[in-house]
Amino acid sequence: MIYIFIKVVITSLLIVSIAELSKRSSLIGALLASLPLTSVLAMFWLYIDTQDVGKVADLATGIFWMVIPSLVFFVSLPLLLKAGINFYLSMGFSLSATAGCYFIMIFILKYFDIKL
């Protein structure tokens, strides 16, 4: 139980740190947020928990394929906000569009027999 608590604290501190640094510099916040820190932490936690490099490799492959549709979020959100659309509406639409793109990507990967 302590191990899970440590994982939650480390991961939470990372996210809060990025949010706080973004208040001072959007460039530094963007740089830190764009790094695959969450993915790297997930891979560390997975390896420590399972000692299974195959599972880590599968996770890395899945992350690669899911990064592509996630780009829709980072294109649509700033476009909607700059068009003057309400923050919450822009966020909701961008998240919905991204979720739709995830489903499309999963369908395409299954069509080409790429297993995640």
PDB file of N, CA and C in Angstrom:
ATOM      1  N   MET A   1       0.814  -1.190   0.000  1.00  0.00           N
ATOM      2  CA  MET A   1       0.000   0.000   0.000  1.00  0.00           C
ATOM      3  C   MET A   1       0.864   1.264   0.000  1.00  0.00           C
ATOM      4  N   ILE A   2       1.966   1.225   0.723  1.00  0.00           N
ATOM      5  CA  ILE A   2       2.873   2.374   0.749  1.00  0.00           C
ATOM      6  C   ILE A   2       3.466   2.612  -0.645  1.00  0.00           C
ATOM      7  N   TYR A   3       3.756   1.526  -1.354  1.00  0.00           N
ATOM      8  CA  TYR A   3       4.309   1.622  -2.703  1.00  0.00           C
ATOM      9  C   TYR A   3       3.337   2.363  -3.630  1.00  0.00           C
ATOM     10  N   ILE A   4       2.062   2.027  -3.565  1.00  0.00           N
ATOM     11  CA  ILE A   4       1.054   2.709  -4.385  1.00  0.00           C
ATOM     12  C   ILE A   4       0.987   4.186  -3.998  1.00  0.00           C
ATOM     13  N   PHE A   5       1.034   4.483  -2.713  1.00  0.00           N
ATOM     14  CA  PHE A   5       1.018   5.865  -2.247  1.00  0.00           C
ATOM     15  C   PHE A   5       2.222   6.630  -2.798  1.00  0.00           C
ATOM     16  N   ILE A   6       3.402   6.017  -2.786  1.00  0.00           N
ATOM     17  CA  ILE A   6       4.613   6.664  -3.316  1.00  0.00           C
ATOM     18  C   ILE A   6       4.451   6.946  -4.807  1.00  0.00           C
ATOM     19  N   LYS A   7       3.894   5.981  -5.554  1.00  0.00           N
ATOM     20  CA  LYS A   7       3.674   6.187  -6.992  1.00  0.00           C
ATOM     21  C   LYS A   7       2.718   7.356  -7.229  1.00  0.00           C
ATOM     22  N   VAL A   8       1.650   7.425  -6.460  1.00  0.00           N
ATOM     23  CA  VAL A   8       0.674   8.505  -6.614  1.00  0.00           C
ATOM     24  C   VAL A   8       1.308   9.851  -6.279  1.00  0.00           C
ATOM     25  N   VAL A   9       2.088   9.915  -5.218  1.00  0.00           N
ATOM     26  CA  VAL A   9       2.725  11.174  -4.807  1.00  0.00           C
ATOM     27  C   VAL A   9       3.715  11.650  -5.872  1.00  0.00           C
ATOM     28  N   ILE A  10       4.569  10.772  -6.349  1.00  0.00           N
ATOM     29  CA  ILE A  10       5.563  11.161  -7.360  1.00  0.00           C
ATOM     30  C   ILE A  10       4.877  11.639  -8.631  1.00  0.00           C
ATOM     31  N   THR A  11       3.890  10.881  -9.097  1.00  0.00           N
ATOM     32  CA  THR A  11       3.193  11.248 -10.326  1.00  0.00           C
ATOM     33  C   THR A  11       2.429  12.554 -10.152  1.00  0.00           C
ATOM     34  N   SER A  12       1.767  12.730  -9.005  1.00  0.00           N
ATOM     35  CA  SER A  12       1.020  13.959  -8.738  1.00  0.00           C
ATOM     36  C   SER A  12       1.937  15.172  -8.654  1.00  0.00           C
ATOM     37  N   LEU A  13       3.062  15.019  -7.995  1.00  0.00           N
ATOM     38  CA  LEU A  13       4.023  16.117  -7.903  1.00  0.00           C
ATOM     39  C   LEU A  13       4.499  16.556  -9.279  1.00  0.00           C
ATOM     40  N   LEU A  14       4.687  15.613 -10.155  1.00  0.00           N
ATOM     41  CA  LEU A  14       5.114  15.938 -11.517  1.00  0.00           C
ATOM     42  C   LEU A  14       4.066  16.803 -12.213  1.00  0.00           C
ATOM     43  N   ILE A  15       2.815  16.414 -12.138  1.00  0.00           N
ATOM     44  CA  ILE A  15       1.746  17.156 -12.799  1.00  0.00           C
ATOM     45  C   ILE A  15       1.570  18.537 -12.179  1.00  0.00           C
ATOM     46  N   VAL A  16       1.565  18.620 -10.871  1.00  0.00           N
ATOM     47  CA  VAL A  16       1.421  19.912 -10.183  1.00  0.00           C
ATOM     48  C   VAL A  16       2.608  20.818 -10.507  1.00  0.00           C
ATOM     49  N   SER A  17       3.806  20.260 -10.554  1.00  0.00           N
ATOM     50  CA  SER A  17       4.995  21.055 -10.876  1.00  0.00           C
ATOM     51  C   SER A  17       4.887  21.666 -12.266  1.00  0.00           C
ATOM     52  N   ILE A  18       4.426  20.878 -13.225  1.00  0.00           N
ATOM     53  CA  ILE A  18       4.274  21.394 -14.591  1.00  0.00           C
ATOM     54  C   ILE A  18       3.242  22.521 -14.613  1.00  0.00           C
ATOM     55  N   ALA A  19       2.124  22.333 -13.915  1.00  0.00           N
ATOM     56  CA  ALA A  19       1.087  23.368 -13.878  1.00  0.00           C
ATOM     57  C   ALA A  19       1.614  24.651 -13.237  1.00  0.00           C
ATOM     58  N   GLU A  20       2.365  24.523 -12.151  1.00  0.00           N
ATOM     59  CA  GLU A  20       2.897  25.698 -11.465  1.00  0.00           C
ATOM     60  C   GLU A  20       3.965  26.396 -12.307  1.00  0.00           C
ATOM     61  N   LEU A  21       4.835  25.632 -12.930  1.00  0.00           N
ATOM     62  CA  LEU A  21       5.858  26.235 -13.788  1.00  0.00           C
ATOM     63  C   LEU A  21       5.227  26.929 -15.000  1.00  0.00           C
ATOM     64  N   SER A  22       4.112  26.408 -15.482  1.00  0.00           N
ATOM     65  CA  SER A  22       3.425  27.010 -16.627  1.00  0.00           C
ATOM     66  C   SER A  22       2.891  28.397 -16.307  1.00  0.00           C
ATOM     67  N   LYS A  23       2.609  28.661 -15.039  1.00  0.00           N
ATOM     68  CA  LYS A  23       2.159  29.999 -14.639  1.00  0.00           C
ATOM     69  C   LYS A  23       3.254  31.024 -14.869  1.00  0.00           C
ATOM     70  N   ARG A  24       4.489  30.607 -14.696  1.00  0.00           N
ATOM     71  CA  ARG A  24       5.630  31.517 -14.850  1.00  0.00           C
ATOM     72  C   ARG A  24       6.119  31.585 -16.290  1.00  0.00           C
ATOM     73  N   SER A  25       6.107  30.438 -16.960  1.00  0.00           N
ATOM     74  CA  SER A  25       6.603  30.396 -18.340  1.00  0.00           C
ATOM     75  C   SER A  25       5.858  29.300 -19.102  1.00  0.00           C
ATOM     76  N   SER A  26       5.067  29.722 -20.074  1.00  0.00           N
ATOM     77  CA  SER A  26       4.337  28.728 -20.863  1.00  0.00           C
ATOM     78  C   SER A  26       5.306  27.875 -21.686  1.00  0.00           C
ATOM     79  N   LEU A  27       6.452  28.439 -22.055  1.00  0.00           N
ATOM     80  CA  LEU A  27       7.445  27.663 -22.802  1.00  0.00           C
ATOM     81  C   LEU A  27       7.996  26.517 -21.960  1.00  0.00           C
ATOM     82  N   ILE A  28       8.383  26.813 -20.737  1.00  0.00           N
ATOM     83  CA  ILE A  28       8.923  25.766 -19.857  1.00  0.00           C
ATOM     84  C   ILE A  28       7.844  24.744 -19.538  1.00  0.00           C
ATOM     85  N   GLY A  29       6.632  25.219 -19.267  1.00  0.00           N
ATOM     86  CA  GLY A  29       5.524  24.301 -19.003  1.00  0.00           C
ATOM     87  C   GLY A  29       5.249  23.396 -20.187  1.00  0.00           C
ATOM     88  N   ALA A  30       5.244  23.980 -21.376  1.00  0.00           N
ATOM     89  CA  ALA A  30       5.004  23.189 -22.588  1.00  0.00           C
ATOM     90  C   ALA A  30       6.123  22.181 -22.817  1.00  0.00           C
ATOM     91  N   LEU A  31       7.338  22.610 -22.593  1.00  0.00           N
ATOM     92  CA  LEU A  31       8.479  21.711 -22.772  1.00  0.00           C
ATOM     93  C   LEU A  31       8.378  20.511 -21.834  1.00  0.00           C
ATOM     94  N   LEU A  32       8.121  20.783 -20.567  1.00  0.00           N
ATOM     95  CA  LEU A  32       8.011  19.692 -19.599  1.00  0.00           C
ATOM     96  C   LEU A  32       6.801  18.799 -19.877  1.00  0.00           C
ATOM     97  N   ALA A  33       5.679  19.422 -20.230  1.00  0.00           N
ATOM     98  CA  ALA A  33       4.474  18.637 -20.500  1.00  0.00           C
ATOM     99  C   ALA A  33       4.619  17.813 -21.775  1.00  0.00           C
ATOM    100  N   SER A  34       5.414  18.302 -22.725  1.00  0.00           N
ATOM    101  CA  SER A  34       5.571  17.566 -23.982  1.00  0.00           C
ATOM    102  C   SER A  34       6.522  16.379 -23.852  1.00  0.00           C
ATOM    103  N   LEU A  35       7.360  16.415 -22.836  1.00  0.00           N
ATOM    104  CA  LEU A  35       8.231  15.267 -22.601  1.00  0.00           C
ATOM    105  C   LEU A  35       7.378  14.073 -22.190  1.00  0.00           C
ATOM    106  N   PRO A  36       7.756  12.893 -22.586  1.00  0.00           N
ATOM    107  CA  PRO A  36       6.934  11.726 -22.234  1.00  0.00           C
ATOM    108  C   PRO A  36       7.164  11.270 -20.796  1.00  0.00           C
ATOM    109  N   LEU A  37       7.138  12.223 -19.858  1.00  0.00           N
ATOM    110  CA  LEU A  37       7.424  11.896 -18.466  1.00  0.00           C
ATOM    111  C   LEU A  37       6.404  10.926 -17.878  1.00  0.00           C
ATOM    112  N   THR A  38       5.134  11.140 -18.183  1.00  0.00           N
ATOM    113  CA  THR A  38       4.103  10.239 -17.667  1.00  0.00           C
ATOM    114  C   THR A  38       4.303   8.839 -18.237  1.00  0.00           C
ATOM    115  N   SER A  39       4.603   8.771 -19.512  1.00  0.00           N
ATOM    116  CA  SER A  39       4.837   7.471 -20.143  1.00  0.00           C
ATOM    117  C   SER A  39       6.058   6.790 -19.543  1.00  0.00           C
ATOM    118  N   VAL A  40       7.104   7.546 -19.336  1.00  0.00           N
ATOM    119  CA  VAL A  40       8.324   6.976 -18.749  1.00  0.00           C
ATOM    120  C   VAL A  40       8.048   6.474 -17.336  1.00  0.00           C
ATOM    121  N   LEU A  41       7.329   7.273 -16.551  1.00  0.00           N
ATOM    122  CA  LEU A  41       6.974   6.822 -15.202  1.00  0.00           C
ATOM    123  C   LEU A  41       6.134   5.553 -15.256  1.00  0.00           C
ATOM    124  N   ALA A  42       5.155   5.510 -16.164  1.00  0.00           N
ATOM    125  CA  ALA A  42       4.314   4.317 -16.286  1.00  0.00           C
ATOM    126  C   ALA A  42       5.157   3.098 -16.647  1.00  0.00           C
ATOM    127  N   MET A  43       6.142   3.292 -17.524  1.00  0.00           N
ATOM    128  CA  MET A  43       7.015   2.175 -17.907  1.00  0.00           C
ATOM    129  C   MET A  43       7.871   1.715 -16.729  1.00  0.00           C
ATOM    130  N   PHE A  44       8.386   2.674 -15.955  1.00  0.00           N
ATOM    131  CA  PHE A  44       9.147   2.304 -14.757  1.00  0.00           C
ATOM    132  C   PHE A  44       8.278   1.528 -13.780  1.00  0.00           C
ATOM    133  N   TRP A  45       7.067   2.072 -13.490  1.00  0.00           N
ATOM    134  CA  TRP A  45       6.181   1.405 -12.541  1.00  0.00           C
ATOM    135  C   TRP A  45       5.823   0.001 -13.045  1.00  0.00           C
ATOM    136  N   LEU A  46       5.529  -0.120 -14.339  1.00  0.00           N
ATOM    137  CA  LEU A  46       5.176  -1.422 -14.904  1.00  0.00           C
ATOM    138  C   LEU A  46       6.330  -2.411 -14.782  1.00  0.00           C
ATOM    139  N   TYR A  47       7.540  -1.949 -15.103  1.00  0.00           N
ATOM    140  CA  TYR A  47       8.692  -2.848 -15.018  1.00  0.00           C
ATOM    141  C   TYR A  47       8.980  -3.247 -13.568  1.00  0.00           C
ATOM    142  N   ILE A  48       8.940  -2.270 -12.674  1.00  0.00           N
ATOM    143  CA  ILE A  48       9.193  -2.568 -11.254  1.00  0.00           C
ATOM    144  C   ILE A  48       8.157  -3.564 -10.737  1.00  0.00           C
ATOM    145  N   ASP A  49       6.898  -3.390 -11.154  1.00  0.00           N
ATOM    146  CA  ASP A  49       5.822  -4.263 -10.675  1.00  0.00           C
ATOM    147  C   ASP A  49       5.875  -5.665 -11.279  1.00  0.00           C
ATOM    148  N   THR A  50       6.281  -5.764 -12.561  1.00  0.00           N
ATOM    149  CA  THR A  50       6.176  -7.055 -13.260  1.00  0.00           C
ATOM    150  C   THR A  50       7.508  -7.684 -13.654  1.00  0.00           C
ATOM    151  N   GLN A  51       8.561  -6.877 -13.769  1.00  0.00           N
ATOM    152  CA  GLN A  51       9.853  -7.338 -14.288  1.00  0.00           C
ATOM    153  C   GLN A  51       9.705  -7.941 -15.686  1.00  0.00           C
ATOM    154  N   ASP A  52       8.694  -7.490 -16.438  1.00  0.00           N
ATOM    155  CA  ASP A  52       8.377  -8.053 -17.753  1.00  0.00           C
ATOM    156  C   ASP A  52       8.672  -7.016 -18.833  1.00  0.00           C
ATOM    157  N   VAL A  53       9.804  -7.180 -19.515  1.00  0.00           N
ATOM    158  CA  VAL A  53      10.178  -6.219 -20.561  1.00  0.00           C
ATOM    159  C   VAL A  53       9.224  -6.300 -21.754  1.00  0.00           C
ATOM    160  N   GLY A  54       8.600  -7.441 -21.960  1.00  0.00           N
ATOM    161  CA  GLY A  54       7.614  -7.572 -23.036  1.00  0.00           C
ATOM    162  C   GLY A  54       6.426  -6.659 -22.817  1.00  0.00           C
ATOM    163  N   LYS A  55       5.957  -6.577 -21.578  1.00  0.00           N
ATOM    164  CA  LYS A  55       4.839  -5.686 -21.260  1.00  0.00           C
ATOM    165  C   LYS A  55       5.245  -4.226 -21.441  1.00  0.00           C
ATOM    166  N   VAL A  56       6.480  -3.910 -21.068  1.00  0.00           N
ATOM    167  CA  VAL A  56       6.971  -2.539 -21.248  1.00  0.00           C
ATOM    168  C   VAL A  56       7.052  -2.212 -22.742  1.00  0.00           C
ATOM    169  N   ALA A  57       7.553  -3.148 -23.530  1.00  0.00           N
ATOM    170  CA  ALA A  57       7.643  -2.942 -24.983  1.00  0.00           C
ATOM    171  C   ALA A  57       6.248  -2.769 -25.586  1.00  0.00           C
ATOM    172  N   ASP A  58       5.279  -3.575 -25.136  1.00  0.00           N
ATOM    173  CA  ASP A  58       3.911  -3.444 -25.635  1.00  0.00           C
ATOM    174  C   ASP A  58       3.316  -2.094 -25.261  1.00  0.00           C
ATOM    175  N   LEU A  59       3.586  -1.637 -24.046  1.00  0.00           N
ATOM    176  CA  LEU A  59       3.103  -0.324 -23.614  1.00  0.00           C
ATOM    177  C   LEU A  59       3.708   0.776 -24.480  1.00  0.00           C
ATOM    178  N   ALA A  60       5.004   0.698 -24.724  1.00  0.00           N
ATOM    179  CA  ALA A  60       5.677   1.712 -25.553  1.00  0.00           C
ATOM    180  C   ALA A  60       5.098   1.734 -26.968  1.00  0.00           C
ATOM    181  N   THR A  61       4.829   0.564 -27.516  1.00  0.00           N
ATOM    182  CA  THR A  61       4.243   0.488 -28.860  1.00  0.00           C
ATOM    183  C   THR A  61       2.848   1.095 -28.870  1.00  0.00           C
ATOM    184  N   GLY A  62       2.049   0.753 -27.856  1.00  0.00           N
ATOM    185  CA  GLY A  62       0.705   1.318 -27.763  1.00  0.00           C
ATOM    186  C   GLY A  62       0.725   2.831 -27.623  1.00  0.00           C
ATOM    187  N   ILE A  63       1.635   3.325 -26.825  1.00  0.00           N
ATOM    188  CA  ILE A  63       1.763   4.778 -26.651  1.00  0.00           C
ATOM    189  C   ILE A  63       2.110   5.432 -27.981  1.00  0.00           C
ATOM    190  N   PHE A  64       3.030   4.825 -28.722  1.00  0.00           N
ATOM    191  CA  PHE A  64       3.402   5.380 -30.035  1.00  0.00           C
ATOM    192  C   PHE A  64       2.169   5.559 -30.915  1.00  0.00           C
ATOM    193  N   TRP A  65       1.365   4.508 -31.039  1.00  0.00           N
ATOM    194  CA  TRP A  65       0.201   4.571 -31.921  1.00  0.00           C
ATOM    195  C   TRP A  65      -0.855   5.543 -31.400  1.00  0.00           C
ATOM    196  N   MET A  66      -0.968   5.714 -30.102  1.00  0.00           N
ATOM    197  CA  MET A  66      -1.997   6.595 -29.548  1.00  0.00           C
ATOM    198  C   MET A  66      -1.572   8.060 -29.510  1.00  0.00           C
ATOM    199  N   VAL A  67      -0.287   8.331 -29.691  1.00  0.00           N
ATOM    200  CA  VAL A  67       0.164   9.728 -29.764  1.00  0.00           C
ATOM    201  C   VAL A  67      -0.393  10.390 -31.018  1.00  0.00           C
ATOM    202  N   ILE A  68      -0.478   9.643 -32.091  1.00  0.00           N
ATOM    203  CA  ILE A  68      -0.921  10.222 -33.365  1.00  0.00           C
ATOM    204  C   ILE A  68      -2.325  10.838 -33.243  1.00  0.00           C
ATOM    205  N   PRO A  69      -3.350  10.088 -32.764  1.00  0.00           N
ATOM    206  CA  PRO A  69      -4.661  10.741 -32.646  1.00  0.00           C
ATOM    207  C   PRO A  69      -4.723  11.803 -31.551  1.00  0.00           C
ATOM    208  N   SER A  70      -3.836  11.739 -30.570  1.00  0.00           N
ATOM    209  CA  SER A  70      -3.862  12.753 -29.513  1.00  0.00           C
ATOM    210  C   SER A  70      -3.473  14.129 -30.041  1.00  0.00           C
ATOM    211  N   LEU A  71      -2.808  14.184 -31.166  1.00  0.00           N
ATOM    212  CA  LEU A  71      -2.424  15.468 -31.745  1.00  0.00           C
ATOM    213  C   LEU A  71      -3.639  16.307 -32.133  1.00  0.00           C
ATOM    214  N   VAL A  72      -4.771  15.647 -32.394  1.00  0.00           N
ATOM    215  CA  VAL A  72      -6.001  16.366 -32.717  1.00  0.00           C
ATOM    216  C   VAL A  72      -6.352  17.333 -31.589  1.00  0.00           C
ATOM    217  N   PHE A  73      -6.153  16.908 -30.355  1.00  0.00           N
ATOM    218  CA  PHE A  73      -6.444  17.767 -29.210  1.00  0.00           C
ATOM    219  C   PHE A  73      -5.614  19.043 -29.249  1.00  0.00           C
ATOM    220  N   PHE A  74      -4.326  18.892 -29.522  1.00  0.00           N
ATOM    221  CA  PHE A  74      -3.412  20.036 -29.460  1.00  0.00           C
ATOM    222  C   PHE A  74      -3.528  20.951 -30.668  1.00  0.00           C
ATOM    223  N   VAL A  75      -4.226  20.503 -31.691  1.00  0.00           N
ATOM    224  CA  VAL A  75      -4.519  21.372 -32.823  1.00  0.00           C
ATOM    225  C   VAL A  75      -5.866  22.055 -32.619  1.00  0.00           C
ATOM    226  N   SER A  76      -6.876  21.272 -32.221  1.00  0.00           N
ATOM    227  CA  SER A  76      -8.229  21.827 -32.130  1.00  0.00           C
ATOM    228  C   SER A  76      -8.407  22.798 -30.963  1.00  0.00           C
ATOM    229  N   LEU A  77      -7.841  22.509 -29.797  1.00  0.00           N
ATOM    230  CA  LEU A  77      -8.065  23.376 -28.633  1.00  0.00           C
ATOM    231  C   LEU A  77      -7.586  24.813 -28.873  1.00  0.00           C
ATOM    232  N   PRO A  78      -6.341  25.027 -29.291  1.00  0.00           N
ATOM    233  CA  PRO A  78      -5.936  26.430 -29.497  1.00  0.00           C
ATOM    234  C   PRO A  78      -6.719  27.117 -30.613  1.00  0.00           C
ATOM    235  N   LEU A  79      -7.084  26.366 -31.657  1.00  0.00           N
ATOM    236  CA  LEU A  79      -7.869  26.981 -32.731  1.00  0.00           C
ATOM    237  C   LEU A  79      -9.228  27.450 -32.217  1.00  0.00           C
ATOM    238  N   LEU A  80      -9.882  26.625 -31.435  1.00  0.00           N
ATOM    239  CA  LEU A  80     -11.192  26.990 -30.888  1.00  0.00           C
ATOM    240  C   LEU A  80     -11.081  28.151 -29.905  1.00  0.00           C
ATOM    241  N   LEU A  81     -10.077  28.114 -29.039  1.00  0.00           N
ATOM    242  CA  LEU A  81      -9.902  29.205 -28.069  1.00  0.00           C
ATOM    243  C   LEU A  81      -9.597  30.524 -28.763  1.00  0.00           C
ATOM    244  N   LYS A  82      -8.752  30.484 -29.782  1.00  0.00           N
ATOM    245  CA  LYS A  82      -8.414  31.712 -30.515  1.00  0.00           C
ATOM    246  C   LYS A  82      -9.597  32.228 -31.324  1.00  0.00           C
ATOM    247  N   ALA A  83     -10.544  31.335 -31.636  1.00  0.00           N
ATOM    248  CA  ALA A  83     -11.761  31.751 -32.343  1.00  0.00           C
ATOM    249  C   ALA A  83     -12.777  32.358 -31.385  1.00  0.00           C
ATOM    250  N   GLY A  84     -12.430  32.399 -30.087  1.00  0.00           N
ATOM    251  CA  GLY A  84     -13.294  33.034 -29.103  1.00  0.00           C
ATOM    252  C   GLY A  84     -14.339  32.119 -28.488  1.00  0.00           C
ATOM    253  N   ILE A  85     -14.199  30.816 -28.700  1.00  0.00           N
ATOM    254  CA  ILE A  85     -15.161  29.871 -28.124  1.00  0.00           C
ATOM    255  C   ILE A  85     -14.815  29.654 -26.656  1.00  0.00           C
ATOM    256  N   ASN A  86     -15.852  29.549 -25.837  1.00  0.00           N
ATOM    257  CA  ASN A  86     -15.726  29.349 -24.395  1.00  0.00           C
ATOM    258  C   ASN A  86     -14.740  28.221 -24.081  1.00  0.00           C
ATOM    259  N   PHE A  87     -13.950  28.397 -23.015  1.00  0.00           N
ATOM    260  CA  PHE A  87     -12.928  27.419 -22.635  1.00  0.00           C
ATOM    261  C   PHE A  87     -13.513  26.026 -22.447  1.00  0.00           C
ATOM    262  N   TYR A  88     -14.585  25.918 -21.659  1.00  0.00           N
ATOM    263  CA  TYR A  88     -15.136  24.595 -21.353  1.00  0.00           C
ATOM    264  C   TYR A  88     -15.723  23.925 -22.588  1.00  0.00           C
ATOM    265  N   LEU A  89     -16.358  24.699 -23.442  1.00  0.00           N
ATOM    266  CA  LEU A  89     -16.894  24.158 -24.688  1.00  0.00           C
ATOM    267  C   LEU A  89     -15.758  23.716 -25.608  1.00  0.00           C
ATOM    268  N   SER A  90     -14.720  24.533 -25.697  1.00  0.00           N
ATOM    269  CA  SER A  90     -13.553  24.183 -26.512  1.00  0.00           C
ATOM    270  C   SER A  90     -12.883  22.915 -25.995  1.00  0.00           C
ATOM    271  N   MET A  91     -12.736  22.838 -24.677  1.00  0.00           N
ATOM    272  CA  MET A  91     -12.128  21.660 -24.071  1.00  0.00           C
ATOM    273  C   MET A  91     -12.978  20.421 -24.336  1.00  0.00           C
ATOM    274  N   GLY A  92     -14.274  20.545 -24.144  1.00  0.00           N
ATOM    275  CA  GLY A  92     -15.173  19.412 -24.370  1.00  0.00           C
ATOM    276  C   GLY A  92     -15.137  18.935 -25.810  1.00  0.00           C
ATOM    277  N   PHE A  93     -15.184  19.878 -26.751  1.00  0.00           N
ATOM    278  CA  PHE A  93     -15.141  19.496 -28.162  1.00  0.00           C
ATOM    279  C   PHE A  93     -13.807  18.854 -28.500  1.00  0.00           C
ATOM    280  N   SER A  94     -12.721  19.443 -28.030  1.00  0.00           N
ATOM    281  CA  SER A  94     -11.384  18.906 -28.339  1.00  0.00           C
ATOM    282  C   SER A  94     -11.200  17.502 -27.766  1.00  0.00           C
ATOM    283  N   LEU A  95     -11.670  17.295 -26.538  1.00  0.00           N
ATOM    284  CA  LEU A  95     -11.576  15.963 -25.938  1.00  0.00           C
ATOM    285  C   LEU A  95     -12.443  14.961 -26.682  1.00  0.00           C
ATOM    286  N   SER A  96     -13.638  15.388 -27.090  1.00  0.00           N
ATOM    287  CA  SER A  96     -14.521  14.493 -27.847  1.00  0.00           C
ATOM    288  C   SER A  96     -13.922  14.138 -29.204  1.00  0.00           C
ATOM    289  N   ALA A  97     -13.380  15.133 -29.888  1.00  0.00           N
ATOM    290  CA  ALA A  97     -12.760  14.881 -31.184  1.00  0.00           C
ATOM    291  C   ALA A  97     -11.577  13.932 -31.038  1.00  0.00           C
ATOM    292  N   THR A  98     -10.805  14.127 -29.981  1.00  0.00           N
ATOM    293  CA  THR A  98      -9.657  13.250 -29.731  1.00  0.00           C
ATOM    294  C   THR A  98     -10.120  11.828 -29.437  1.00  0.00           C
ATOM    295  N   ALA A  99     -11.155  11.681 -28.608  1.00  0.00           N
ATOM    296  CA  ALA A  99     -11.696  10.349 -28.314  1.00  0.00           C
ATOM    297  C   ALA A  99     -12.160   9.670 -29.593  1.00  0.00           C
ATOM    298  N   GLY A 100     -12.834  10.426 -30.462  1.00  0.00           N
ATOM    299  CA  GLY A 100     -13.262   9.876 -31.749  1.00  0.00           C
ATOM    300  C   GLY A 100     -12.079   9.421 -32.592  1.00  0.00           C
ATOM    301  N   CYS A 101     -11.026  10.207 -32.574  1.00  0.00           N
ATOM    302  CA  CYS A 101      -9.827   9.843 -33.343  1.00  0.00           C
ATOM    303  C   CYS A 101      -9.140   8.602 -32.764  1.00  0.00           C
ATOM    304  N   TYR A 102      -9.217   8.429 -31.432  1.00  0.00           N
ATOM    305  CA  TYR A 102      -8.685   7.206 -30.833  1.00  0.00           C
ATOM    306  C   TYR A 102      -9.433   5.989 -31.366  1.00  0.00           C
ATOM    307  N   PHE A 103     -10.760   6.077 -31.397  1.00  0.00           N
ATOM    308  CA  PHE A 103     -11.549   4.953 -31.904  1.00  0.00           C
ATOM    309  C   PHE A 103     -11.234   4.669 -33.369  1.00  0.00           C
ATOM    310  N   ILE A 104     -11.087   5.726 -34.161  1.00  0.00           N
ATOM    311  CA  ILE A 104     -10.740   5.551 -35.569  1.00  0.00           C
ATOM    312  C   ILE A 104      -9.370   4.890 -35.698  1.00  0.00           C
ATOM    313  N   MET A 105      -8.394   5.340 -34.898  1.00  0.00           N
ATOM    314  CA  MET A 105      -7.052   4.758 -34.942  1.00  0.00           C
ATOM    315  C   MET A 105      -7.083   3.282 -34.555  1.00  0.00           C
ATOM    316  N   ILE A 106      -7.827   2.951 -33.525  1.00  0.00           N
ATOM    317  CA  ILE A 106      -7.920   1.551 -33.103  1.00  0.00           C
ATOM    318  C   ILE A 106      -8.542   0.710 -34.214  1.00  0.00           C
ATOM    319  N   PHE A 107      -9.577   1.240 -34.869  1.00  0.00           N
ATOM    320  CA  PHE A 107     -10.201   0.535 -35.987  1.00  0.00           C
ATOM    321  C   PHE A 107      -9.192   0.326 -37.119  1.00  0.00           C
ATOM    322  N   ILE A 108      -8.451   1.366 -37.454  1.00  0.00           N
ATOM    323  CA  ILE A 108      -7.455   1.267 -38.535  1.00  0.00           C
ATOM    324  C   ILE A 108      -6.379   0.242 -38.174  1.00  0.00           C
ATOM    325  N   LEU A 109      -5.893   0.276 -36.929  1.00  0.00           N
ATOM    326  CA  LEU A 109      -4.877  -0.670 -36.516  1.00  0.00           C
ATOM    327  C   LEU A 109      -5.389  -2.105 -36.576  1.00  0.00           C
ATOM    328  N   LYS A 110      -6.642  -2.323 -36.171  1.00  0.00           N
ATOM    329  CA  LYS A 110      -7.221  -3.671 -36.266  1.00  0.00           C
ATOM    330  C   LYS A 110      -7.351  -4.088 -37.722  1.00  0.00           C
ATOM    331  N   TYR A 111      -7.731  -3.166 -38.583  1.00  0.00           N
ATOM    332  CA  TYR A 111      -7.868  -3.468 -40.011  1.00  0.00           C
ATOM    333  C   TYR A 111      -6.546  -3.967 -40.593  1.00  0.00           C
ATOM    334  N   PHE A 112      -5.461  -3.330 -40.181  1.00  0.00           N
ATOM    335  CA  PHE A 112      -4.134  -3.728 -40.654  1.00  0.00           C
ATOM    336  C   PHE A 112      -3.484  -4.788 -39.780  1.00  0.00           C
ATOM    337  N   ASP A 113      -4.267  -5.359 -38.868  1.00  0.00           N
ATOM    338  CA  ASP A 113      -3.827  -6.457 -37.988  1.00  0.00           C
ATOM    339  C   ASP A 113      -2.645  -6.071 -37.102  1.00  0.00           C
ATOM    340  N   ILE A 114      -2.679  -4.821 -36.636  1.00  0.00           N
ATOM    341  CA  ILE A 114      -1.668  -4.350 -35.679  1.00  0.00           C
ATOM    342  C   ILE A 114      -2.295  -4.452 -34.306  1.00  0.00           C
ATOM    343  N   LYS A 115      -1.711  -5.263 -33.455  1.00  0.00           N
ATOM    344  CA  LYS A 115      -2.277  -5.535 -32.130  1.00  0.00           C
ATOM    345  C   LYS A 115      -1.679  -4.593 -31.087  1.00  0.00           C
ATOM    346  N   LEU A 116      -2.552  -4.077 -30.237  1.00  0.00           N
ATOM    347  CA  LEU A 116      -2.096  -3.224 -29.150  1.00  0.00           C
ATOM    348  C   LEU A 116      -2.140  -3.985 -27.845  1.00  0.00           C
TER     349      LEU A 116
END
